[in-house]
Amino acid sequence: MIACGEKVPIHVDDGCIRSMATAGHQRLPEAWKIILDRPPTTDELYRAIHKGGRKAPGRDGISNEFFKTNLEGLKEEMLEIFTQMFD
């Protein structure tokens, strides 16, 4: 009998794991990969920030309203950060 909370190994073969990992996933077209691999543009940044409504601040305590209000002063720094993330 297995005690409550006792961990019991489950045997799963590699073929099952590969099958589950690829189920329902399709490969992106090459054109999409190129688009998704480049840093966001100023227009994309603007649309992303203005898309959100009036939501509560995240863990950092900064609300979307802060970014909406200060976008003109922050956009160059934000784009630089995103560009570095893609390099």
PDB file of N, CA and C in Angstrom:
ATOM      1  N   MET A   1       0.840  -1.176   0.000  1.00  0.00           N
ATOM      2  CA  MET A   1       0.000   0.000   0.000  1.00  0.00           C
ATOM      3  C   MET A   1       0.893   1.249   0.000  1.00  0.00           C
ATOM      4  N   ILE A   2       0.463   2.268  -0.711  1.00  0.00           N
ATOM      5  CA  ILE A   2       1.227   3.512  -0.814  1.00  0.00           C
ATOM      6  C   ILE A   2       0.721   4.480   0.247  1.00  0.00           C
ATOM      7  N   ALA A   3       1.647   5.027   1.011  1.00  0.00           N
ATOM      8  CA  ALA A   3       1.284   5.986   2.061  1.00  0.00           C
ATOM      9  C   ALA A   3       0.929   7.323   1.439  1.00  0.00           C
ATOM     10  N   CYS A   4       0.083   8.075   2.112  1.00  0.00           N
ATOM     11  CA  CYS A   4      -0.317   9.396   1.653  1.00  0.00           C
ATOM     12  C   CYS A   4       0.926  10.284   1.515  1.00  0.00           C
ATOM     13  N   GLY A   5       1.076  10.934   0.367  1.00  0.00           N
ATOM     14  CA  GLY A   5       2.206  11.816   0.136  1.00  0.00           C
ATOM     15  C   GLY A   5       3.448  11.120  -0.379  1.00  0.00           C
ATOM     16  N   GLU A   6       3.421   9.777  -0.429  1.00  0.00           N
ATOM     17  CA  GLU A   6       4.579   9.034  -0.919  1.00  0.00           C
ATOM     18  C   GLU A   6       4.660   9.179  -2.442  1.00  0.00           C
ATOM     19  N   LYS A   7       5.859   9.413  -2.942  1.00  0.00           N
ATOM     20  CA  LYS A   7       6.056   9.581  -4.380  1.00  0.00           C
ATOM     21  C   LYS A   7       6.420   8.246  -4.995  1.00  0.00           C
ATOM     22  N   VAL A   8       5.730   7.941  -6.076  1.00  0.00           N
ATOM     23  CA  VAL A   8       5.957   6.681  -6.776  1.00  0.00           C
ATOM     24  C   VAL A   8       6.362   7.023  -8.213  1.00  0.00           C
ATOM     25  N   PRO A   9       7.496   6.508  -8.685  1.00  0.00           N
ATOM     26  CA  PRO A   9       7.910   6.818 -10.062  1.00  0.00           C
ATOM     27  C   PRO A   9       6.941   6.231 -11.077  1.00  0.00           C
ATOM     28  N   ILE A  10       6.765   6.962 -12.162  1.00  0.00           N
ATOM     29  CA  ILE A  10       5.908   6.510 -13.255  1.00  0.00           C
ATOM     30  C   ILE A  10       6.796   6.313 -14.478  1.00  0.00           C
ATOM     31  N   HIS A  11       6.698   5.156 -15.093  1.00  0.00           N
ATOM     32  CA  HIS A  11       7.505   4.885 -16.281  1.00  0.00           C
ATOM     33  C   HIS A  11       6.798   5.448 -17.510  1.00  0.00           C
ATOM     34  N   VAL A  12       7.498   6.307 -18.243  1.00  0.00           N
ATOM     35  CA  VAL A  12       6.989   6.840 -19.501  1.00  0.00           C
ATOM     36  C   VAL A  12       8.112   6.726 -20.516  1.00  0.00           C
ATOM     37  N   ASP A  13       7.834   6.107 -21.648  1.00  0.00           N
ATOM     38  CA  ASP A  13       8.906   5.928 -22.629  1.00  0.00           C
ATOM     39  C   ASP A  13       9.138   7.212 -23.433  1.00  0.00           C
ATOM     40  N   ASP A  14      10.311   7.307 -24.048  1.00  0.00           N
ATOM     41  CA  ASP A  14      10.710   8.505 -24.792  1.00  0.00           C
ATOM     42  C   ASP A  14       9.755   8.835 -25.934  1.00  0.00           C
ATOM     43  N   GLY A  15       9.225   7.808 -26.594  1.00  0.00           N
ATOM     44  CA  GLY A  15       8.290   8.040 -27.691  1.00  0.00           C
ATOM     45  C   GLY A  15       7.038   8.768 -27.228  1.00  0.00           C
ATOM     46  N   CYS A  16       6.523   8.413 -26.058  1.00  0.00           N
ATOM     47  CA  CYS A  16       5.341   9.088 -25.502  1.00  0.00           C
ATOM     48  C   CYS A  16       5.650  10.544 -25.176  1.00  0.00           C
ATOM     49  N   ILE A  17       6.819  10.777 -24.622  1.00  0.00           N
ATOM     50  CA  ILE A  17       7.206  12.151 -24.273  1.00  0.00           C
ATOM     51  C   ILE A  17       7.298  13.001 -25.531  1.00  0.00           C
ATOM     52  N   ARG A  18       7.960  12.486 -26.586  1.00  0.00           N
ATOM     53  CA  ARG A  18       8.065  13.227 -27.848  1.00  0.00           C
ATOM     54  C   ARG A  18       6.684  13.496 -28.441  1.00  0.00           C
ATOM     55  N   SER A  19       5.821  12.525 -28.375  1.00  0.00           N
ATOM     56  CA  SER A  19       4.475  12.669 -28.913  1.00  0.00           C
ATOM     57  C   SER A  19       3.694  13.753 -28.169  1.00  0.00           C
ATOM     58  N   MET A  20       3.781  13.750 -26.847  1.00  0.00           N
ATOM     59  CA  MET A  20       3.072  14.765 -26.055  1.00  0.00           C
ATOM     60  C   MET A  20       3.660  16.157 -26.291  1.00  0.00           C
ATOM     61  N   ALA A  21       4.975  16.230 -26.435  1.00  0.00           N
ATOM     62  CA  ALA A  21       5.638  17.522 -26.602  1.00  0.00           C
ATOM     63  C   ALA A  21       5.308  18.179 -27.933  1.00  0.00           C
ATOM     64  N   THR A  22       4.994  17.379 -28.937  1.00  0.00           N
ATOM     65  CA  THR A  22       4.720  17.945 -30.261  1.00  0.00           C
ATOM     66  C   THR A  22       3.244  17.948 -30.623  1.00  0.00           C
ATOM     67  N   ALA A  23       2.392  17.390 -29.797  1.00  0.00           N
ATOM     68  CA  ALA A  23       0.960  17.314 -30.104  1.00  0.00           C
ATOM     69  C   ALA A  23       0.357  18.710 -30.230  1.00  0.00           C
ATOM     70  N   GLY A  24      -0.274  18.957 -31.349  1.00  0.00           N
ATOM     71  CA  GLY A  24      -0.979  20.212 -31.551  1.00  0.00           C
ATOM     72  C   GLY A  24      -0.087  21.397 -31.882  1.00  0.00           C
ATOM     73  N   HIS A  25       1.211  21.194 -31.971  1.00  0.00           N
ATOM     74  CA  HIS A  25       2.125  22.295 -32.287  1.00  0.00           C
ATOM     75  C   HIS A  25       2.480  22.268 -33.770  1.00  0.00           C
ATOM     76  N   GLN A  26       2.426  23.428 -34.362  1.00  0.00           N
ATOM     77  CA  GLN A  26       2.826  23.545 -35.755  1.00  0.00           C
ATOM     78  C   GLN A  26       4.064  24.433 -35.824  1.00  0.00           C
ATOM     79  N   ARG A  27       4.827  24.284 -36.833  1.00  0.00           N
ATOM     80  CA  ARG A  27       6.002  25.134 -37.024  1.00  0.00           C
ATOM     81  C   ARG A  27       5.558  26.474 -37.596  1.00  0.00           C
ATOM     82  N   LEU A  28       6.212  27.528 -37.114  1.00  0.00           N
ATOM     83  CA  LEU A  28       5.912  28.864 -37.627  1.00  0.00           C
ATOM     84  C   LEU A  28       6.475  29.013 -39.030  1.00  0.00           C
ATOM     85  N   PRO A  29       5.762  29.735 -39.885  1.00  0.00           N
ATOM     86  CA  PRO A  29       6.330  30.042 -41.197  1.00  0.00           C
ATOM     87  C   PRO A  29       7.608  30.876 -41.014  1.00  0.00           C
ATOM     88  N   GLU A  30       8.540  30.741 -41.924  1.00  0.00           N
ATOM     89  CA  GLU A  30       9.825  31.445 -41.831  1.00  0.00           C
ATOM     90  C   GLU A  30       9.641  32.957 -41.722  1.00  0.00           C
ATOM     91  N   ALA A  31       8.663  33.519 -42.434  1.00  0.00           N
ATOM     92  CA  ALA A  31       8.417  34.964 -42.394  1.00  0.00           C
ATOM     93  C   ALA A  31       8.039  35.411 -40.972  1.00  0.00           C
ATOM     94  N   TRP A  32       7.279  34.605 -40.259  1.00  0.00           N
ATOM     95  CA  TRP A  32       6.887  34.946 -38.892  1.00  0.00           C
ATOM     96  C   TRP A  32       8.098  34.915 -37.974  1.00  0.00           C
ATOM     97  N   LYS A  33       8.968  33.933 -38.162  1.00  0.00           N
ATOM     98  CA  LYS A  33      10.165  33.831 -37.328  1.00  0.00           C
ATOM     99  C   LYS A  33      11.006  35.090 -37.450  1.00  0.00           C
ATOM    100  N   ILE A  34      11.142  35.595 -38.667  1.00  0.00           N
ATOM    101  CA  ILE A  34      11.928  36.813 -38.899  1.00  0.00           C
ATOM    102  C   ILE A  34      11.301  37.988 -38.167  1.00  0.00           C
ATOM    103  N   ILE A  35       9.992  38.116 -38.255  1.00  0.00           N
ATOM    104  CA  ILE A  35       9.284  39.219 -37.590  1.00  0.00           C
ATOM    105  C   ILE A  35       9.406  39.102 -36.076  1.00  0.00           C
ATOM    106  N   LEU A  36       9.234  37.897 -35.541  1.00  0.00           N
ATOM    107  CA  LEU A  36       9.255  37.704 -34.088  1.00  0.00           C
ATOM    108  C   LEU A  36      10.654  37.786 -33.495  1.00  0.00           C
ATOM    109  N   ASP A  37      11.676  37.647 -34.311  1.00  0.00           N
ATOM    110  CA  ASP A  37      13.049  37.704 -33.819  1.00  0.00           C
ATOM    111  C   ASP A  37      13.638  39.112 -33.803  1.00  0.00           C
ATOM    112  N   ARG A  38      12.904  40.092 -34.264  1.00  0.00           N
ATOM    113  CA  ARG A  38      13.433  41.454 -34.263  1.00  0.00           C
ATOM    114  C   ARG A  38      12.859  42.234 -33.080  1.00  0.00           C
ATOM    115  N   PRO A  39      13.591  43.233 -32.599  1.00  0.00           N
ATOM    116  CA  PRO A  39      13.095  44.049 -31.473  1.00  0.00           C
ATOM    117  C   PRO A  39      11.823  44.803 -31.858  1.00  0.00           C
ATOM    118  N   PRO A  40      11.004  45.149 -30.880  1.00  0.00           N
ATOM    119  CA  PRO A  40       9.777  45.889 -31.183  1.00  0.00           C
ATOM    120  C   PRO A  40      10.081  47.297 -31.690  1.00  0.00           C
ATOM    121  N   THR A  41       9.168  47.812 -32.491  1.00  0.00           N
ATOM    122  CA  THR A  41       9.288  49.173 -33.015  1.00  0.00           C
ATOM    123  C   THR A  41       8.625  50.153 -32.046  1.00  0.00           C
ATOM    124  N   THR A  42       8.826  51.434 -32.288  1.00  0.00           N
ATOM    125  CA  THR A  42       8.180  52.468 -31.469  1.00  0.00           C
ATOM    126  C   THR A  42       6.666  52.326 -31.542  1.00  0.00           C
ATOM    127  N   ASP A  43       6.151  52.058 -32.735  1.00  0.00           N
ATOM    128  CA  ASP A  43       4.705  51.899 -32.907  1.00  0.00           C
ATOM    129  C   ASP A  43       4.176  50.701 -32.122  1.00  0.00           C
ATOM    130  N   GLU A  44       4.911  49.583 -32.148  1.00  0.00           N
ATOM    131  CA  GLU A  44       4.491  48.393 -31.397  1.00  0.00           C
ATOM    132  C   GLU A  44       4.514  48.665 -29.897  1.00  0.00           C
ATOM    133  N   LEU A  45       5.517  49.377 -29.427  1.00  0.00           N
ATOM    134  CA  LEU A  45       5.596  49.744 -28.012  1.00  0.00           C
ATOM    135  C   LEU A  45       4.401  50.612 -27.623  1.00  0.00           C
ATOM    136  N   TYR A  46       4.122  51.620 -28.437  1.00  0.00           N
ATOM    137  CA  TYR A  46       2.997  52.525 -28.183  1.00  0.00           C
ATOM    138  C   TYR A  46       1.672  51.749 -28.120  1.00  0.00           C
ATOM    139  N   ARG A  47       1.449  50.863 -29.097  1.00  0.00           N
ATOM    140  CA  ARG A  47       0.194  50.091 -29.120  1.00  0.00           C
ATOM    141  C   ARG A  47       0.082  49.147 -27.929  1.00  0.00           C
ATOM    142  N   ALA A  48       1.187  48.528 -27.544  1.00  0.00           N
ATOM    143  CA  ALA A  48       1.163  47.596 -26.409  1.00  0.00           C
ATOM    144  C   ALA A  48       0.828  48.314 -25.108  1.00  0.00           C
ATOM    145  N   ILE A  49       1.414  49.483 -24.910  1.00  0.00           N
ATOM    146  CA  ILE A  49       1.169  50.225 -23.667  1.00  0.00           C
ATOM    147  C   ILE A  49      -0.247  50.775 -23.625  1.00  0.00           C
ATOM    148  N   HIS A  50      -0.745  51.244 -24.753  1.00  0.00           N
ATOM    149  CA  HIS A  50      -2.087  51.819 -24.773  1.00  0.00           C
ATOM    150  C   HIS A  50      -3.188  50.771 -24.910  1.00  0.00           C
ATOM    151  N   LYS A  51      -2.814  49.524 -25.132  1.00  0.00           N
ATOM    152  CA  LYS A  51      -3.799  48.439 -25.232  1.00  0.00           C
ATOM    153  C   LYS A  51      -4.408  48.122 -23.871  1.00  0.00           C
ATOM    154  N   GLY A  52      -3.584  48.143 -22.845  1.00  0.00           N
ATOM    155  CA  GLY A  52      -4.053  47.775 -21.509  1.00  0.00           C
ATOM    156  C   GLY A  52      -5.006  48.810 -20.925  1.00  0.00           C
ATOM    157  N   GLY A  53      -5.929  48.346 -20.159  1.00  0.00           N
ATOM    158  CA  GLY A  53      -6.868  49.246 -19.493  1.00  0.00           C
ATOM    159  C   GLY A  53      -6.296  49.732 -18.175  1.00  0.00           C
ATOM    160  N   ARG A  54      -7.146  50.047 -17.259  1.00  0.00           N
ATOM    161  CA  ARG A  54      -6.715  50.512 -15.940  1.00  0.00           C
ATOM    162  C   ARG A  54      -6.643  49.327 -15.002  1.00  0.00           C
ATOM    163  N   LYS A  55      -5.522  48.644 -15.079  1.00  0.00           N
ATOM    164  CA  LYS A  55      -5.336  47.464 -14.242  1.00  0.00           C
ATOM    165  C   LYS A  55      -4.474  47.806 -13.043  1.00  0.00           C
ATOM    166  N   ALA A  56      -4.535  46.948 -12.054  1.00  0.00           N
ATOM    167  CA  ALA A  56      -3.725  47.129 -10.851  1.00  0.00           C
ATOM    168  C   ALA A  56      -2.249  46.983 -11.210  1.00  0.00           C
ATOM    169  N   PRO A  57      -1.379  47.652 -10.483  1.00  0.00           N
ATOM    170  CA  PRO A  57       0.059  47.530 -10.732  1.00  0.00           C
ATOM    171  C   PRO A  57       0.535  46.099 -10.560  1.00  0.00           C
ATOM    172  N   GLY A  58       1.616  45.772 -11.231  1.00  0.00           N
ATOM    173  CA  GLY A  58       2.218  44.455 -11.103  1.00  0.00           C
ATOM    174  C   GLY A  58       3.068  44.380  -9.848  1.00  0.00           C
ATOM    175  N   ARG A  59       3.930  43.365  -9.797  1.00  0.00           N
ATOM    176  CA  ARG A  59       4.787  43.169  -8.627  1.00  0.00           C
ATOM    177  C   ARG A  59       5.715  44.349  -8.370  1.00  0.00           C
ATOM    178  N   ASP A  60       6.085  45.035  -9.457  1.00  0.00           N
ATOM    179  CA  ASP A  60       6.987  46.172  -9.305  1.00  0.00           C
ATOM    180  C   ASP A  60       6.282  47.419  -8.791  1.00  0.00           C
ATOM    181  N   GLY A  61       4.952  47.382  -8.702  1.00  0.00           N
ATOM    182  CA  GLY A  61       4.190  48.511  -8.185  1.00  0.00           C
ATOM    183  C   GLY A  61       3.952  49.607  -9.209  1.00  0.00           C
ATOM    184  N   ILE A  62       4.386  49.388 -10.446  1.00  0.00           N
ATOM    185  CA  ILE A  62       4.226  50.412 -11.487  1.00  0.00           C
ATOM    186  C   ILE A  62       2.989  50.067 -12.324  1.00  0.00           C
ATOM    187  N   SER A  63       2.067  51.001 -12.402  1.00  0.00           N
ATOM    188  CA  SER A  63       0.841  50.762 -13.154  1.00  0.00           C
ATOM    189  C   SER A  63       1.034  51.094 -14.626  1.00  0.00           C
ATOM    190  N   ASN A  64       0.129  50.603 -15.449  1.00  0.00           N
ATOM    191  CA  ASN A  64       0.145  50.908 -16.872  1.00  0.00           C
ATOM    192  C   ASN A  64      -0.071  52.405 -17.106  1.00  0.00           C
ATOM    193  N   GLU A  65      -0.809  53.042 -16.234  1.00  0.00           N
ATOM    194  CA  GLU A  65      -1.039  54.484 -16.347  1.00  0.00           C
ATOM    195  C   GLU A  65       0.274  55.255 -16.299  1.00  0.00           C
ATOM    196  N   PHE A  66       1.215  54.799 -15.489  1.00  0.00           N
ATOM    197  CA  PHE A  66       2.528  55.447 -15.422  1.00  0.00           C
ATOM    198  C   PHE A  66       3.188  55.440 -16.792  1.00  0.00           C
ATOM    199  N   PHE A  67       3.171  54.286 -17.457  1.00  0.00           N
ATOM    200  CA  PHE A  67       3.797  54.187 -18.769  1.00  0.00           C
ATOM    201  C   PHE A  67       3.043  55.003 -19.807  1.00  0.00           C
ATOM    202  N   LYS A  68       1.715  55.002 -19.735  1.00  0.00           N
ATOM    203  CA  LYS A  68       0.933  55.804 -20.677  1.00  0.00           C
ATOM    204  C   LYS A  68       1.261  57.282 -20.523  1.00  0.00           C
ATOM    205  N   THR A  69       1.334  57.738 -19.286  1.00  0.00           N
ATOM    206  CA  THR A  69       1.583  59.154 -19.000  1.00  0.00           C
ATOM    207  C   THR A  69       2.999  59.565 -19.370  1.00  0.00           C
ATOM    208  N   ASN A  70       3.967  58.676 -19.188  1.00  0.00           N
ATOM    209  CA  ASN A  70       5.378  59.031 -19.368  1.00  0.00           C
ATOM    210  C   ASN A  70       6.035  58.398 -20.590  1.00  0.00           C
ATOM    211  N   LEU A  71       5.245  57.917 -21.526  1.00  0.00           N
ATOM    212  CA  LEU A  71       5.803  57.201 -22.671  1.00  0.00           C
ATOM    213  C   LEU A  71       6.775  58.045 -23.481  1.00  0.00           C
ATOM    214  N   GLU A  72       6.444  59.284 -23.719  1.00  0.00           N
ATOM    215  CA  GLU A  72       7.332  60.121 -24.534  1.00  0.00           C
ATOM    216  C   GLU A  72       8.721  60.226 -23.921  1.00  0.00           C
ATOM    217  N   GLY A  73       8.810  60.341 -22.616  1.00  0.00           N
ATOM    218  CA  GLY A  73      10.104  60.447 -21.956  1.00  0.00           C
ATOM    219  C   GLY A  73      10.822  59.121 -21.772  1.00  0.00           C
ATOM    220  N   LEU A  74      10.080  58.015 -21.814  1.00  0.00           N
ATOM    221  CA  LEU A  74      10.660  56.707 -21.545  1.00  0.00           C
ATOM    222  C   LEU A  74      10.880  55.841 -22.780  1.00  0.00           C
ATOM    223  N   LYS A  75      10.260  56.192 -23.897  1.00  0.00           N
ATOM    224  CA  LYS A  75      10.233  55.270 -25.035  1.00  0.00           C
ATOM    225  C   LYS A  75      11.625  54.913 -25.549  1.00  0.00           C
ATOM    226  N   GLU A  76      12.549  55.877 -25.625  1.00  0.00           N
ATOM    227  CA  GLU A  76      13.887  55.569 -26.138  1.00  0.00           C
ATOM    228  C   GLU A  76      14.611  54.582 -25.228  1.00  0.00           C
ATOM    229  N   GLU A  77      14.507  54.785 -23.913  1.00  0.00           N
ATOM    230  CA  GLU A  77      15.146  53.870 -22.969  1.00  0.00           C
ATOM    231  C   GLU A  77      14.506  52.487 -23.017  1.00  0.00           C
ATOM    232  N   MET A  78      13.182  52.454 -23.123  1.00  0.00           N
ATOM    233  CA  MET A  78      12.488  51.170 -23.183  1.00  0.00           C
ATOM    234  C   MET A  78      12.867  50.406 -24.458  1.00  0.00           C
ATOM    235  N   LEU A  79      12.929  51.106 -25.588  1.00  0.00           N
ATOM    236  CA  LEU A  79      13.309  50.456 -26.833  1.00  0.00           C
ATOM    237  C   LEU A  79      14.748  49.956 -26.771  1.00  0.00           C
ATOM    238  N   GLU A  80      15.623  50.702 -26.118  1.00  0.00           N
ATOM    239  CA  GLU A  80      17.015  50.262 -25.964  1.00  0.00           C
ATOM    240  C   GLU A  80      17.087  48.978 -25.135  1.00  0.00           C
ATOM    241  N   ILE A  81      16.314  48.917 -24.065  1.00  0.00           N
ATOM    242  CA  ILE A  81      16.279  47.706 -23.230  1.00  0.00           C
ATOM    243  C   ILE A  81      15.788  46.517 -24.042  1.00  0.00           C
ATOM    244  N   PHE A  82      14.690  46.702 -24.789  1.00  0.00           N
ATOM    245  CA  PHE A  82      14.146  45.615 -25.597  1.00  0.00           C
ATOM    246  C   PHE A  82      15.131  45.189 -26.686  1.00  0.00           C
ATOM    247  N   THR A  83      15.821  46.155 -27.292  1.00  0.00           N
ATOM    248  CA  THR A  83      16.812  45.840 -28.319  1.00  0.00           C
ATOM    249  C   THR A  83      17.935  44.987 -27.722  1.00  0.00           C
ATOM    250  N   GLN A  84      18.397  45.328 -26.532  1.00  0.00           N
ATOM    251  CA  GLN A  84      19.438  44.544 -25.861  1.00  0.00           C
ATOM    252  C   GLN A  84      18.950  43.137 -25.560  1.00  0.00           C
ATOM    253  N   MET A  85      17.684  42.988 -25.239  1.00  0.00           N
ATOM    254  CA  MET A  85      17.129  41.663 -24.943  1.00  0.00           C
ATOM    255  C   MET A  85      17.143  40.778 -26.191  1.00  0.00           C
ATOM    256  N   PHE A  86      17.010  41.380 -27.367  1.00  0.00           N
ATOM    257  CA  PHE A  86      16.966  40.606 -28.615  1.00  0.00           C
ATOM    258  C   PHE A  86      18.350  40.322 -29.175  1.00  0.00           C
ATOM    259  N   ASP A  87      19.369  41.034 -28.694  1.00  0.00           N
ATOM    260  CA  ASP A  87      20.747  40.815 -29.185  1.00  0.00           C
ATOM    261  C   ASP A  87      21.373  39.608 -28.569  1.00  0.00           C
TER     262      ASP A  87
END
